[in-house]
Amino acid sequence: MPLVLPPLRERPDDIPILAAHFAAKSAQKYGQPTPELEPGLVEILLDYNWPGNVRELENLIERLVVLSGTSTLGLEYVPEKMLRVLPGTTPGDESTLEGAVEATKRRMIVSALQSEGNKVAAAKKLGISRSYLHRLINEFDL
């Protein structure tokens, strides 16, 4: 009998429960006290799309436990890609730091692609790997 489990993005009620479980598990693994999850972190976790599903959540929480080493997990070590989903911000809104950074990246990528003519040369000019350039191209729908 096949067991069908919907992706994590379709089960938002599970996210805080799983995050707390993974925080306790990671804290025990590294000999730290079990941390609390700050409300801002939970909000970010709920807003994220989770393309890597439960494994991505577990890896993130373990990373936060290791890097923070404190009794609470907040936004200090959350990856940039997750912070882009903060409510009240719009992609490319240059009045925010994140929006300005995103707009600058986009302009630089477009300029490098136009001047160099191919992705390998554009990545070299930008000082980034070709795979990272591909991720950015997909992210910005270029």
Protein backbone atom coordinates (compact mmCIF):
# COMPACT_ATOMS: atom_id res chain seq x y z
CA MET A 1 0.00 0.00 0.00
CA PRO A 2 1.60 3.28 -1.07
CA LEU A 3 1.93 6.00 1.55
CA VAL A 4 1.54 9.49 0.12
CA LEU A 5 2.96 12.27 2.25
CA PRO A 6 2.39 15.79 0.93
CA PRO A 7 5.40 18.10 0.69
CA LEU A 8 6.23 20.24 3.70
CA ARG A 9 5.01 23.43 1.97
CA GLU A 10 1.52 21.89 1.94
CA ARG A 11 1.69 21.11 5.69
CA PRO A 12 2.48 24.45 7.36
CA ASP A 13 1.08 23.28 10.71
CA ASP A 14 3.85 20.68 10.87
CA ILE A 15 6.69 23.20 10.43
CA PRO A 16 6.88 24.62 14.00
CA ILE A 17 6.52 21.13 15.50
CA LEU A 18 9.22 19.65 13.27
CA ALA A 19 11.51 22.66 13.81
CA ALA A 20 11.22 22.30 17.61
CA HIS A 21 11.88 18.55 17.34
CA PHE A 22 14.95 19.09 15.14
CA ALA A 23 16.23 21.82 17.49
CA ALA A 24 16.00 19.43 20.46
CA LYS A 25 17.61 16.62 18.47
CA SER A 26 20.49 18.82 17.28
CA ALA A 27 21.03 20.35 20.71
CA GLN A 28 21.31 16.88 22.23
CA LYS A 29 23.68 15.79 19.46
CA TYR A 30 26.01 18.74 20.19
CA GLY A 31 25.63 18.74 23.98
CA GLN A 32 23.73 22.02 24.15
CA PRO A 33 20.52 22.95 25.96
CA THR A 34 17.38 22.73 23.84
CA PRO A 35 16.82 26.17 22.31
CA GLU A 36 13.53 28.01 21.94
CA LEU A 37 12.44 29.22 18.51
CA GLU A 38 11.92 32.98 18.29
CA PRO A 39 8.56 34.03 16.76
CA GLY A 40 10.35 35.81 13.89
CA LEU A 41 12.13 32.59 12.97
CA VAL A 42 8.90 30.61 13.04
CA GLU A 43 7.31 33.23 10.76
CA ILE A 44 10.17 32.90 8.26
CA LEU A 45 9.94 29.10 8.39
CA LEU A 46 6.21 29.25 7.68
CA ASP A 47 6.63 31.66 4.75
CA TYR A 48 9.40 29.67 3.03
CA ASN A 49 8.53 27.29 0.16
CA TRP A 50 10.77 24.35 1.31
CA PRO A 51 11.98 22.97 -2.03
CA GLY A 52 14.22 20.56 -0.10
CA ASN A 53 11.27 19.42 2.03
CA VAL A 54 11.75 18.07 5.58
CA ARG A 55 15.44 17.32 5.10
CA GLU A 56 16.10 20.99 4.26
CA LEU A 57 14.29 22.05 7.44
CA GLU A 58 16.28 19.60 9.54
CA ASN A 59 19.60 20.75 8.04
CA LEU A 60 18.70 24.40 8.59
CA ILE A 61 17.73 23.91 12.23
CA GLU A 62 20.89 21.90 12.92
CA ARG A 63 22.95 24.69 11.34
CA LEU A 64 21.19 27.31 13.47
CA VAL A 65 21.78 25.30 16.65
CA VAL A 66 25.48 24.88 15.90
CA LEU A 67 26.10 28.47 14.82
CA SER A 68 24.05 30.25 17.46
CA GLY A 69 25.06 28.19 20.49
CA THR A 70 22.45 30.10 22.50
CA SER A 71 19.19 29.23 24.25
CA THR A 72 17.11 30.82 21.48
CA LEU A 73 17.19 30.46 17.71
CA GLY A 74 16.57 33.67 15.79
CA LEU A 75 17.23 35.14 12.38
CA GLU A 76 20.97 35.80 12.81
CA TYR A 77 22.14 32.78 10.79
CA VAL A 78 19.15 32.23 8.50
CA PRO A 79 20.24 32.05 4.83
CA GLU A 80 19.66 35.12 2.69
CA LYS A 81 17.31 33.26 0.35
CA MET A 82 14.89 32.72 3.22
CA LEU A 83 14.96 36.31 4.42
CA ARG A 84 13.65 37.48 1.07
CA VAL A 85 10.21 36.24 2.03
CA LEU A 86 9.82 38.70 4.90
CA PRO A 87 6.27 40.07 4.90
CA GLY A 88 5.94 43.68 3.80
CA THR A 89 8.86 43.63 1.37
CA THR A 90 8.64 43.30 -2.36
CA PRO A 91 11.41 41.88 -4.52
CA GLY A 92 13.46 44.62 -6.16
CA ASP A 93 12.17 47.34 -3.81
CA GLU A 94 15.33 49.42 -3.57
CA SER A 95 14.13 51.26 -0.46
CA THR A 96 15.10 48.18 1.56
CA LEU A 97 18.60 46.78 1.92
CA GLU A 98 17.55 43.37 0.57
CA GLY A 99 15.77 44.95 -2.39
CA ALA A 100 18.77 47.13 -3.23
CA VAL A 101 21.13 44.15 -3.06
CA GLU A 102 18.82 42.10 -5.26
CA ALA A 103 18.45 44.91 -7.82
CA THR A 104 22.23 45.41 -7.92
CA LYS A 105 22.86 41.68 -8.44
CA ARG A 106 20.30 41.61 -11.23
CA ARG A 107 21.85 44.62 -13.02
CA MET A 108 25.37 43.20 -12.72
CA ILE A 109 24.31 39.80 -14.06
CA VAL A 110 22.47 41.32 -17.03
CA SER A 111 25.44 43.58 -17.79
CA ALA A 112 27.95 40.72 -17.57
CA LEU A 113 25.85 38.45 -19.77
CA GLN A 114 25.44 41.18 -22.39
CA SER A 115 29.09 42.21 -22.44
CA GLU A 116 30.63 38.73 -22.27
CA GLY A 117 28.21 36.87 -24.50
CA ASN A 118 28.27 33.58 -22.58
CA LYS A 119 27.66 32.35 -19.05
CA VAL A 120 31.15 31.00 -18.41
CA ALA A 121 32.80 34.32 -19.20
CA ALA A 122 30.07 36.25 -17.34
CA ALA A 123 30.60 34.13 -14.22
CA LYS A 124 34.35 34.71 -14.44
CA LYS A 125 33.86 38.46 -14.82
CA LEU A 126 31.53 38.52 -11.80
CA GLY A 127 33.95 36.42 -9.73
CA ILE A 128 31.38 33.68 -9.03
CA SER A 129 31.03 30.05 -10.02
CA ARG A 130 29.07 29.10 -13.11
CA SER A 131 26.62 27.07 -11.02
CA TYR A 132 25.93 30.06 -8.76
CA LEU A 133 25.38 32.22 -11.85
CA HIS A 134 22.86 29.66 -13.12
CA ARG A 135 21.01 29.74 -9.77
CA LEU A 136 20.88 33.53 -9.89
CA ILE A 137 19.67 33.52 -13.50
CA ASN A 138 16.85 31.17 -12.50
CA GLU A 139 16.08 33.17 -9.36
CA PHE A 140 15.80 36.43 -11.29
CA ASP A 141 14.05 34.80 -14.29
CA LEU A 142 16.67 36.12 -16.72
